[in-house]
N, C-alpha and C. Protein backbone atom coordinates (compact mmCIF):
# COMPACT_ATOMS: atom_id res chain seq x y z
N UNK A 1 37.07 -27.86 24.42
CA UNK A 1 36.07 -26.89 24.30
C UNK A 1 35.84 -26.50 22.84
N UNK A 2 36.89 -26.53 22.08
CA UNK A 2 36.77 -26.19 20.67
C UNK A 2 35.92 -27.20 19.95
N UNK A 3 36.01 -28.46 20.39
CA UNK A 3 35.21 -29.49 19.75
C UNK A 3 33.72 -29.24 20.00
N UNK A 4 33.37 -28.77 21.12
CA UNK A 4 31.99 -28.53 21.50
C UNK A 4 31.37 -27.44 20.62
N UNK A 5 32.09 -26.39 20.28
CA UNK A 5 31.59 -25.30 19.44
C UNK A 5 31.36 -25.75 18.01
N UNK A 6 32.18 -26.62 17.49
CA UNK A 6 32.04 -27.10 16.13
C UNK A 6 30.79 -27.94 15.96
N UNK A 7 30.44 -28.73 16.91
CA UNK A 7 29.26 -29.57 16.80
C UNK A 7 27.99 -28.74 16.88
N UNK A 8 28.00 -27.65 17.58
CA UNK A 8 26.82 -26.79 17.65
C UNK A 8 26.67 -25.94 16.39
N UNK A 9 27.74 -25.57 15.72
CA UNK A 9 27.68 -24.74 14.52
C UNK A 9 27.11 -25.53 13.35
N UNK A 10 27.40 -26.80 13.27
CA UNK A 10 26.92 -27.61 12.16
C UNK A 10 25.40 -27.74 12.16
N UNK A 11 24.72 -28.02 13.26
CA UNK A 11 23.25 -28.10 13.23
C UNK A 11 22.61 -26.76 12.89
N UNK A 12 23.20 -25.64 13.28
CA UNK A 12 22.62 -24.34 12.95
C UNK A 12 22.68 -24.11 11.45
N UNK A 13 23.74 -24.51 10.80
CA UNK A 13 23.85 -24.36 9.35
C UNK A 13 22.86 -25.26 8.64
N UNK A 14 22.62 -26.45 9.15
CA UNK A 14 21.66 -27.36 8.54
C UNK A 14 20.25 -26.79 8.65
N UNK A 15 19.93 -26.17 9.76
CA UNK A 15 18.62 -25.57 9.95
C UNK A 15 18.38 -24.42 8.99
N UNK A 16 19.39 -23.60 8.77
CA UNK A 16 19.28 -22.48 7.83
C UNK A 16 19.14 -22.99 6.41
N UNK A 17 19.87 -24.05 6.09
CA UNK A 17 19.80 -24.62 4.75
C UNK A 17 18.41 -25.19 4.48
N UNK A 18 17.83 -25.85 5.46
CA UNK A 18 16.46 -26.37 5.30
C UNK A 18 15.47 -25.24 5.11
N UNK A 19 15.63 -24.17 5.84
CA UNK A 19 14.73 -23.02 5.73
C UNK A 19 14.82 -22.38 4.33
N UNK A 20 16.03 -22.24 3.82
CA UNK A 20 16.23 -21.66 2.49
C UNK A 20 15.61 -22.56 1.42
N UNK A 21 15.81 -23.86 1.54
CA UNK A 21 15.24 -24.80 0.56
C UNK A 21 13.72 -24.75 0.60
N UNK A 22 13.15 -24.68 1.80
CA UNK A 22 11.68 -24.60 1.91
C UNK A 22 11.14 -23.31 1.29
N UNK A 23 11.83 -22.20 1.52
CA UNK A 23 11.40 -20.93 0.93
C UNK A 23 11.46 -20.97 -0.60
N UNK A 24 12.52 -21.55 -1.15
CA UNK A 24 12.65 -21.67 -2.60
C UNK A 24 11.53 -22.53 -3.16
N UNK A 25 11.21 -23.64 -2.50
CA UNK A 25 10.14 -24.51 -2.96
C UNK A 25 8.81 -23.78 -2.91
N UNK A 26 8.54 -23.01 -1.87
CA UNK A 26 7.28 -22.26 -1.75
C UNK A 26 7.18 -21.21 -2.85
N UNK A 27 8.26 -20.50 -3.13
CA UNK A 27 8.25 -19.47 -4.17
C UNK A 27 8.01 -20.11 -5.54
N UNK A 28 8.67 -21.21 -5.82
CA UNK A 28 8.48 -21.89 -7.11
C UNK A 28 7.05 -22.39 -7.23
N UNK A 29 6.51 -22.94 -6.16
CA UNK A 29 5.13 -23.42 -6.17
C UNK A 29 4.15 -22.27 -6.42
N UNK A 30 4.41 -21.11 -5.80
CA UNK A 30 3.54 -19.95 -6.01
C UNK A 30 3.58 -19.49 -7.46
N UNK A 31 4.76 -19.49 -8.06
CA UNK A 31 4.90 -19.07 -9.45
C UNK A 31 4.16 -20.04 -10.37
N UNK A 32 4.32 -21.32 -10.14
CA UNK A 32 3.65 -22.32 -10.98
C UNK A 32 2.14 -22.19 -10.85
N UNK A 33 1.66 -22.03 -9.62
CA UNK A 33 0.21 -21.89 -9.43
C UNK A 33 -0.34 -20.62 -10.08
N UNK A 34 0.41 -19.53 -10.05
CA UNK A 34 -0.07 -18.30 -10.69
C UNK A 34 -0.12 -18.45 -12.21
N UNK A 35 0.88 -19.14 -12.80
CA UNK A 35 0.87 -19.37 -14.24
C UNK A 35 -0.29 -20.28 -14.63
N UNK A 36 -0.51 -21.33 -13.86
CA UNK A 36 -1.61 -22.25 -14.15
C UNK A 36 -2.95 -21.53 -14.00
N UNK A 37 -3.09 -20.72 -12.97
CA UNK A 37 -4.33 -19.96 -12.78
C UNK A 37 -4.58 -18.99 -13.91
N UNK A 38 -3.54 -18.32 -14.35
CA UNK A 38 -3.68 -17.38 -15.47
C UNK A 38 -4.10 -18.10 -16.73
N UNK A 39 -3.44 -19.21 -17.03
CA UNK A 39 -3.81 -19.98 -18.22
C UNK A 39 -5.24 -20.49 -18.12
N UNK A 40 -5.64 -20.89 -16.93
CA UNK A 40 -6.99 -21.41 -16.73
C UNK A 40 -8.04 -20.35 -17.01
N UNK A 41 -7.85 -19.13 -16.44
CA UNK A 41 -8.85 -18.08 -16.61
C UNK A 41 -8.83 -17.47 -18.00
N UNK A 42 -7.66 -17.29 -18.58
CA UNK A 42 -7.59 -16.66 -19.90
C UNK A 42 -7.88 -17.63 -21.03
N UNK A 43 -7.44 -18.87 -20.86
CA UNK A 43 -7.58 -19.82 -21.96
C UNK A 43 -8.78 -20.73 -21.82
N UNK A 44 -9.53 -20.63 -20.75
CA UNK A 44 -10.69 -21.48 -20.58
C UNK A 44 -10.31 -22.88 -20.13
N UNK A 45 -9.09 -23.11 -19.76
CA UNK A 45 -8.66 -24.42 -19.28
C UNK A 45 -7.22 -24.65 -19.65
N UNK A 46 -6.69 -25.74 -19.15
CA UNK A 46 -5.30 -26.07 -19.46
C UNK A 46 -5.25 -26.98 -20.67
N UNK A 47 -4.17 -26.94 -21.42
CA UNK A 47 -4.04 -27.86 -22.55
C UNK A 47 -4.03 -29.30 -22.03
N UNK A 48 -4.77 -30.14 -22.71
CA UNK A 48 -4.84 -31.53 -22.31
C UNK A 48 -5.93 -31.82 -21.31
N UNK A 49 -6.49 -30.79 -20.71
CA UNK A 49 -7.58 -30.99 -19.76
C UNK A 49 -8.86 -30.49 -20.41
N UNK A 50 -9.60 -31.37 -21.01
CA UNK A 50 -10.80 -30.97 -21.72
C UNK A 50 -12.02 -31.60 -21.09
N UNK A 51 -13.13 -31.50 -21.77
CA UNK A 51 -14.36 -32.11 -21.32
C UNK A 51 -14.24 -33.62 -21.42
N UNK A 52 -14.96 -34.29 -20.55
CA UNK A 52 -15.01 -35.74 -20.62
C UNK A 52 -16.03 -36.20 -21.64
N UNK A 53 -16.78 -35.26 -22.23
CA UNK A 53 -17.81 -35.62 -23.18
C UNK A 53 -17.24 -36.12 -24.50
N UNK A 54 -16.01 -35.79 -24.79
CA UNK A 54 -15.37 -36.28 -26.00
C UNK A 54 -15.70 -35.47 -27.24
N UNK A 55 -16.51 -34.42 -27.09
CA UNK A 55 -16.85 -33.61 -28.25
C UNK A 55 -15.73 -32.61 -28.51
N UNK A 56 -15.43 -32.43 -29.77
CA UNK A 56 -14.41 -31.46 -30.14
C UNK A 56 -15.02 -30.07 -30.09
N UNK A 57 -14.31 -29.17 -29.47
CA UNK A 57 -14.80 -27.80 -29.40
C UNK A 57 -14.35 -27.04 -30.64
N UNK A 58 -15.31 -26.37 -31.24
CA UNK A 58 -14.99 -25.56 -32.42
C UNK A 58 -14.59 -24.18 -31.96
N UNK A 59 -13.48 -23.73 -32.47
CA UNK A 59 -13.00 -22.39 -32.15
C UNK A 59 -13.14 -21.56 -33.41
N UNK A 60 -13.98 -20.55 -33.32
CA UNK A 60 -14.15 -19.68 -34.47
C UNK A 60 -13.28 -18.45 -34.26
N UNK A 61 -12.35 -18.30 -35.15
CA UNK A 61 -11.46 -17.15 -35.10
C UNK A 61 -11.78 -16.24 -36.26
N UNK A 62 -11.93 -14.96 -35.93
CA UNK A 62 -12.16 -13.99 -36.98
C UNK A 62 -10.82 -13.67 -37.64
N UNK A 63 -10.86 -13.59 -38.95
CA UNK A 63 -9.64 -13.26 -39.67
C UNK A 63 -9.31 -11.79 -39.41
N UNK A 64 -8.08 -11.52 -39.10
CA UNK A 64 -7.64 -10.16 -38.84
C UNK A 64 -7.54 -9.40 -40.15
N UNK A 65 -8.24 -8.29 -40.23
CA UNK A 65 -8.14 -7.42 -41.40
C UNK A 65 -7.62 -6.07 -40.93
N UNK A 66 -6.46 -5.68 -41.40
CA UNK A 66 -5.92 -4.40 -40.96
C UNK A 66 -6.74 -3.25 -41.52
N UNK A 67 -6.78 -2.18 -40.76
CA UNK A 67 -7.51 -1.00 -41.20
C UNK A 67 -6.70 -0.23 -42.22
N UNK A 68 -7.42 0.45 -43.08
CA UNK A 68 -6.82 1.35 -44.07
C UNK A 68 -7.27 2.76 -43.71
N UNK A 69 -6.39 3.72 -43.93
CA UNK A 69 -6.68 5.11 -43.56
C UNK A 69 -6.45 6.02 -44.74
N UNK A 70 -7.24 7.08 -44.75
CA UNK A 70 -7.02 8.17 -45.70
C UNK A 70 -7.10 9.47 -44.92
N UNK A 71 -6.01 10.22 -44.92
CA UNK A 71 -5.98 11.50 -44.21
C UNK A 71 -6.37 12.58 -45.20
N UNK A 72 -7.37 13.38 -44.84
CA UNK A 72 -7.79 14.48 -45.70
C UNK A 72 -6.68 15.53 -45.71
N UNK A 73 -6.33 15.99 -46.91
CA UNK A 73 -5.22 16.93 -47.04
C UNK A 73 -5.53 18.27 -46.39
N UNK A 74 -6.73 18.75 -46.60
CA UNK A 74 -7.11 20.06 -46.09
C UNK A 74 -8.06 19.89 -44.91
N UNK A 75 -7.97 20.82 -43.98
CA UNK A 75 -8.85 20.79 -42.81
C UNK A 75 -10.26 21.23 -43.20
N UNK A 76 -11.22 20.75 -42.43
CA UNK A 76 -12.60 21.21 -42.56
C UNK A 76 -12.70 22.44 -41.66
N UNK A 77 -12.97 23.60 -42.26
CA UNK A 77 -12.97 24.87 -41.54
C UNK A 77 -14.31 25.56 -41.76
N UNK A 78 -14.88 26.07 -40.67
CA UNK A 78 -16.13 26.82 -40.77
C UNK A 78 -16.32 27.67 -39.53
N UNK A 79 -17.32 28.53 -39.58
CA UNK A 79 -17.67 29.32 -38.41
C UNK A 79 -18.80 28.63 -37.67
N UNK A 80 -18.82 28.83 -36.35
CA UNK A 80 -19.82 28.22 -35.50
C UNK A 80 -20.46 29.34 -34.68
N UNK A 81 -21.79 29.39 -34.64
CA UNK A 81 -22.48 30.40 -33.86
C UNK A 81 -22.51 29.98 -32.39
N UNK A 82 -22.15 30.92 -31.51
CA UNK A 82 -22.16 30.64 -30.09
C UNK A 82 -22.53 31.90 -29.32
N UNK A 83 -23.69 31.90 -28.67
CA UNK A 83 -24.13 33.00 -27.82
C UNK A 83 -24.06 34.34 -28.55
N UNK A 84 -24.52 34.37 -29.76
CA UNK A 84 -24.55 35.60 -30.54
C UNK A 84 -23.21 35.99 -31.16
N UNK A 85 -22.20 35.21 -30.98
CA UNK A 85 -20.88 35.51 -31.55
C UNK A 85 -20.51 34.44 -32.55
N UNK A 86 -19.69 34.83 -33.50
CA UNK A 86 -19.16 33.85 -34.44
C UNK A 86 -17.89 33.26 -33.87
N UNK A 87 -17.81 31.95 -33.89
CA UNK A 87 -16.62 31.24 -33.45
C UNK A 87 -16.04 30.51 -34.64
N UNK A 88 -14.84 30.03 -34.45
CA UNK A 88 -14.09 29.40 -35.53
C UNK A 88 -13.86 27.93 -35.18
N UNK A 89 -14.09 27.06 -36.15
CA UNK A 89 -13.83 25.64 -35.95
C UNK A 89 -12.99 25.08 -37.08
N UNK A 90 -11.96 24.33 -36.72
CA UNK A 90 -11.08 23.72 -37.70
C UNK A 90 -10.82 22.28 -37.27
N UNK A 91 -11.07 21.34 -38.18
CA UNK A 91 -10.91 19.93 -37.86
C UNK A 91 -10.12 19.26 -38.98
N UNK A 92 -9.01 18.63 -38.62
CA UNK A 92 -8.26 17.79 -39.55
C UNK A 92 -8.77 16.37 -39.36
N UNK A 93 -9.11 15.70 -40.44
CA UNK A 93 -9.76 14.39 -40.36
C UNK A 93 -8.97 13.30 -41.06
N UNK A 94 -9.24 12.08 -40.60
CA UNK A 94 -8.77 10.87 -41.28
C UNK A 94 -9.94 9.90 -41.31
N UNK A 95 -10.06 9.15 -42.39
CA UNK A 95 -11.13 8.16 -42.53
C UNK A 95 -10.52 6.77 -42.37
N UNK A 96 -11.20 5.91 -41.61
CA UNK A 96 -10.74 4.54 -41.39
C UNK A 96 -11.73 3.58 -42.02
N UNK A 97 -11.18 2.58 -42.70
CA UNK A 97 -12.03 1.57 -43.33
C UNK A 97 -11.32 0.23 -43.32
N UNK A 98 -12.10 -0.83 -43.41
CA UNK A 98 -11.54 -2.17 -43.49
C UNK A 98 -11.15 -2.55 -44.91
N UNK A 99 -11.66 -1.81 -45.88
CA UNK A 99 -11.35 -2.15 -47.27
C UNK A 99 -10.84 -0.91 -48.00
N UNK A 100 -9.84 -1.09 -48.84
CA UNK A 100 -9.32 0.05 -49.61
C UNK A 100 -10.34 0.58 -50.62
N UNK A 101 -11.29 -0.28 -51.04
CA UNK A 101 -12.30 0.16 -52.01
C UNK A 101 -13.18 1.25 -51.42
N UNK A 102 -13.52 1.13 -50.13
CA UNK A 102 -14.36 2.15 -49.48
C UNK A 102 -13.63 3.49 -49.42
N UNK A 103 -12.32 3.45 -49.17
CA UNK A 103 -11.55 4.70 -49.13
C UNK A 103 -11.40 5.31 -50.52
N UNK A 104 -11.25 4.46 -51.53
CA UNK A 104 -11.17 4.98 -52.89
C UNK A 104 -12.49 5.64 -53.28
N UNK A 105 -13.60 5.05 -52.87
CA UNK A 105 -14.90 5.64 -53.15
C UNK A 105 -15.04 6.96 -52.41
N UNK A 106 -14.56 7.01 -51.17
CA UNK A 106 -14.64 8.26 -50.41
C UNK A 106 -13.79 9.35 -51.07
N UNK A 107 -12.62 8.99 -51.59
CA UNK A 107 -11.78 9.97 -52.27
C UNK A 107 -12.44 10.46 -53.56
N UNK A 108 -13.15 9.56 -54.24
CA UNK A 108 -13.84 9.94 -55.47
C UNK A 108 -14.94 10.95 -55.19
N UNK A 109 -15.65 10.77 -54.09
CA UNK A 109 -16.77 11.65 -53.74
C UNK A 109 -16.40 12.69 -52.68
N UNK A 110 -15.11 12.99 -52.56
CA UNK A 110 -14.64 13.90 -51.52
C UNK A 110 -15.23 15.30 -51.58
N UNK A 111 -15.46 15.91 -52.74
CA UNK A 111 -16.08 17.25 -52.72
C UNK A 111 -17.46 17.25 -52.04
N UNK A 112 -18.28 16.26 -52.33
CA UNK A 112 -19.59 16.17 -51.70
C UNK A 112 -19.45 15.87 -50.21
N UNK A 113 -18.53 15.01 -49.86
CA UNK A 113 -18.33 14.66 -48.45
C UNK A 113 -17.84 15.88 -47.67
N UNK A 114 -16.86 16.62 -48.22
CA UNK A 114 -16.35 17.82 -47.53
C UNK A 114 -17.46 18.84 -47.33
N UNK A 115 -18.29 19.02 -48.33
CA UNK A 115 -19.39 19.97 -48.21
C UNK A 115 -20.33 19.59 -47.08
N UNK A 116 -20.65 18.31 -46.99
CA UNK A 116 -21.54 17.84 -45.93
C UNK A 116 -20.88 17.95 -44.56
N UNK A 117 -19.58 17.69 -44.49
CA UNK A 117 -18.87 17.78 -43.21
C UNK A 117 -18.79 19.22 -42.71
N UNK A 118 -18.63 20.18 -43.64
CA UNK A 118 -18.63 21.59 -43.25
C UNK A 118 -19.98 21.96 -42.66
N UNK A 119 -21.06 21.44 -43.26
CA UNK A 119 -22.41 21.72 -42.75
C UNK A 119 -22.59 21.13 -41.34
N UNK A 120 -22.09 19.91 -41.14
CA UNK A 120 -22.23 19.27 -39.83
C UNK A 120 -21.45 20.04 -38.77
N UNK A 121 -20.22 20.43 -39.08
CA UNK A 121 -19.41 21.18 -38.12
C UNK A 121 -20.03 22.55 -37.84
N UNK A 122 -20.52 23.22 -38.88
CA UNK A 122 -21.11 24.54 -38.71
C UNK A 122 -22.40 24.52 -37.91
N UNK A 123 -23.13 23.42 -37.93
CA UNK A 123 -24.39 23.35 -37.20
C UNK A 123 -24.21 22.82 -35.78
N UNK A 124 -22.98 22.58 -35.37
CA UNK A 124 -22.71 22.05 -34.03
C UNK A 124 -22.79 23.16 -32.99
N UNK A 125 -23.04 22.76 -31.75
CA UNK A 125 -23.07 23.69 -30.63
C UNK A 125 -21.64 23.90 -30.12
N UNK A 126 -21.24 25.16 -30.04
CA UNK A 126 -19.88 25.49 -29.65
C UNK A 126 -19.53 24.95 -28.26
N UNK A 127 -20.43 25.09 -27.31
CA UNK A 127 -20.15 24.64 -25.95
C UNK A 127 -20.00 23.11 -25.88
N UNK A 128 -20.75 22.39 -26.69
CA UNK A 128 -20.62 20.93 -26.70
C UNK A 128 -19.30 20.49 -27.30
N UNK A 129 -18.78 21.27 -28.24
CA UNK A 129 -17.52 20.90 -28.89
C UNK A 129 -16.32 21.02 -27.96
N UNK A 130 -16.50 21.67 -26.83
CA UNK A 130 -15.41 21.84 -25.88
C UNK A 130 -15.30 20.67 -24.90
N UNK A 131 -16.22 19.72 -24.98
CA UNK A 131 -16.19 18.56 -24.10
C UNK A 131 -15.81 17.31 -24.91
N UNK A 132 -15.21 16.32 -24.28
CA UNK A 132 -14.88 15.07 -25.00
C UNK A 132 -16.13 14.37 -25.54
N UNK A 133 -17.22 14.41 -24.78
CA UNK A 133 -18.46 13.78 -25.24
C UNK A 133 -19.00 14.49 -26.48
N UNK A 134 -18.90 15.83 -26.49
CA UNK A 134 -19.36 16.60 -27.65
C UNK A 134 -18.54 16.31 -28.88
N UNK A 135 -17.22 16.17 -28.70
CA UNK A 135 -16.35 15.85 -29.84
C UNK A 135 -16.64 14.45 -30.37
N UNK A 136 -16.91 13.51 -29.46
CA UNK A 136 -17.25 12.15 -29.89
C UNK A 136 -18.58 12.14 -30.63
N UNK A 137 -19.54 12.93 -30.15
CA UNK A 137 -20.83 13.03 -30.84
C UNK A 137 -20.65 13.63 -32.23
N UNK A 138 -19.76 14.62 -32.34
CA UNK A 138 -19.47 15.21 -33.65
C UNK A 138 -18.85 14.17 -34.58
N UNK A 139 -17.92 13.38 -34.07
CA UNK A 139 -17.30 12.33 -34.89
C UNK A 139 -18.35 11.32 -35.35
N UNK A 140 -19.30 10.98 -34.47
CA UNK A 140 -20.36 10.05 -34.83
C UNK A 140 -21.28 10.64 -35.91
N UNK A 141 -21.61 11.92 -35.77
CA UNK A 141 -22.46 12.58 -36.79
C UNK A 141 -21.72 12.67 -38.12
N UNK A 142 -20.42 12.95 -38.07
CA UNK A 142 -19.63 13.02 -39.30
C UNK A 142 -19.55 11.64 -39.97
N UNK A 143 -19.40 10.59 -39.18
CA UNK A 143 -19.38 9.24 -39.72
C UNK A 143 -20.71 8.93 -40.40
N UNK A 144 -21.81 9.26 -39.75
CA UNK A 144 -23.13 9.02 -40.35
C UNK A 144 -23.29 9.80 -41.64
N UNK A 145 -22.78 11.02 -41.68
CA UNK A 145 -22.88 11.85 -42.88
C UNK A 145 -22.07 11.26 -44.02
N UNK A 146 -20.82 10.85 -43.73
CA UNK A 146 -19.96 10.27 -44.77
C UNK A 146 -20.59 8.98 -45.30
N UNK A 147 -21.06 8.13 -44.40
CA UNK A 147 -21.67 6.87 -44.83
C UNK A 147 -22.97 7.10 -45.59
N UNK A 148 -23.70 8.14 -45.25
CA UNK A 148 -24.93 8.47 -45.99
C UNK A 148 -24.59 8.88 -47.42
N UNK A 149 -23.55 9.68 -47.58
CA UNK A 149 -23.13 10.09 -48.92
C UNK A 149 -22.67 8.87 -49.71
N UNK A 150 -21.86 8.01 -49.09
CA UNK A 150 -21.37 6.82 -49.79
C UNK A 150 -22.52 5.87 -50.13
N UNK A 151 -23.49 5.76 -49.25
CA UNK A 151 -24.65 4.90 -49.52
C UNK A 151 -25.47 5.43 -50.68
N UNK A 152 -25.63 6.76 -50.75
CA UNK A 152 -26.36 7.36 -51.86
C UNK A 152 -25.66 7.09 -53.18
N UNK A 153 -24.35 7.00 -53.14
CA UNK A 153 -23.58 6.76 -54.36
C UNK A 153 -23.38 5.27 -54.63
N UNK A 154 -23.91 4.43 -53.75
CA UNK A 154 -23.81 2.98 -53.96
C UNK A 154 -22.45 2.41 -53.60
N UNK A 155 -21.79 3.00 -52.64
CA UNK A 155 -20.45 2.56 -52.26
C UNK A 155 -20.46 1.94 -50.86
N UNK A 156 -19.37 1.28 -50.52
CA UNK A 156 -19.23 0.64 -49.20
C UNK A 156 -18.99 1.70 -48.13
N UNK A 157 -19.49 1.48 -46.91
CA UNK A 157 -19.31 2.47 -45.84
C UNK A 157 -17.91 2.39 -45.23
N UNK A 158 -17.56 3.43 -44.47
CA UNK A 158 -16.30 3.45 -43.74
C UNK A 158 -16.58 3.13 -42.27
N UNK A 159 -15.52 2.82 -41.52
CA UNK A 159 -15.67 2.44 -40.11
C UNK A 159 -15.76 3.63 -39.17
N UNK A 160 -14.80 4.54 -39.30
CA UNK A 160 -14.72 5.66 -38.35
C UNK A 160 -14.20 6.91 -39.01
N UNK A 161 -14.56 8.03 -38.39
CA UNK A 161 -13.97 9.32 -38.71
C UNK A 161 -13.09 9.68 -37.53
N UNK A 162 -11.82 9.93 -37.79
CA UNK A 162 -10.86 10.23 -36.73
C UNK A 162 -10.42 11.67 -36.81
N UNK A 163 -10.28 12.31 -35.66
CA UNK A 163 -9.77 13.68 -35.61
C UNK A 163 -8.26 13.60 -35.42
N UNK A 164 -7.51 14.20 -36.34
CA UNK A 164 -6.06 14.27 -36.17
C UNK A 164 -5.66 15.62 -35.58
N UNK A 165 -6.53 16.60 -35.65
CA UNK A 165 -6.32 17.90 -35.04
C UNK A 165 -7.70 18.54 -34.90
N UNK A 166 -7.95 19.18 -33.76
CA UNK A 166 -9.28 19.74 -33.50
C UNK A 166 -9.10 21.08 -32.81
N UNK A 167 -9.60 22.16 -33.44
CA UNK A 167 -9.46 23.50 -32.87
C UNK A 167 -10.80 24.21 -32.94
N UNK A 168 -11.24 24.73 -31.79
CA UNK A 168 -12.39 25.64 -31.75
C UNK A 168 -11.98 26.83 -30.91
N UNK A 169 -12.31 28.05 -31.40
CA UNK A 169 -11.98 29.25 -30.63
C UNK A 169 -13.03 30.29 -30.80
């Protein structure tokens, strides 16, 4: 009777082993297919699999240019009229540019730029400044103002005006 039990145990172990091997093969196949699919969609195809036309594809890569920043030492502070009351606005700014020459020009003309930025902040609507869209619109107007001053002085423009701190009360 003992012999009979041993012969039945061996086929059960073989069946489990086959099942485990099949599961491992399916998992590996799924991983390979997901990697191939990702490379296909992100890279436009797999390496070595190109057009049959034989034409070489030109890849134009833009050279990476790191941004340069200049943080204004003093905040732009002014009063803002809102519903018949005077409100207070304080903005700490940083200027972003692709070239250090544009930032040097901005630092050279900083008194004129600060004066114009105070005017832009002071003429803003207080209620709009409390929304993200209003703050973004203010940043866009400040960028246009800074670039207008730099253009008048014959200098290169900057990319963005960034708020490092923004307070309205």
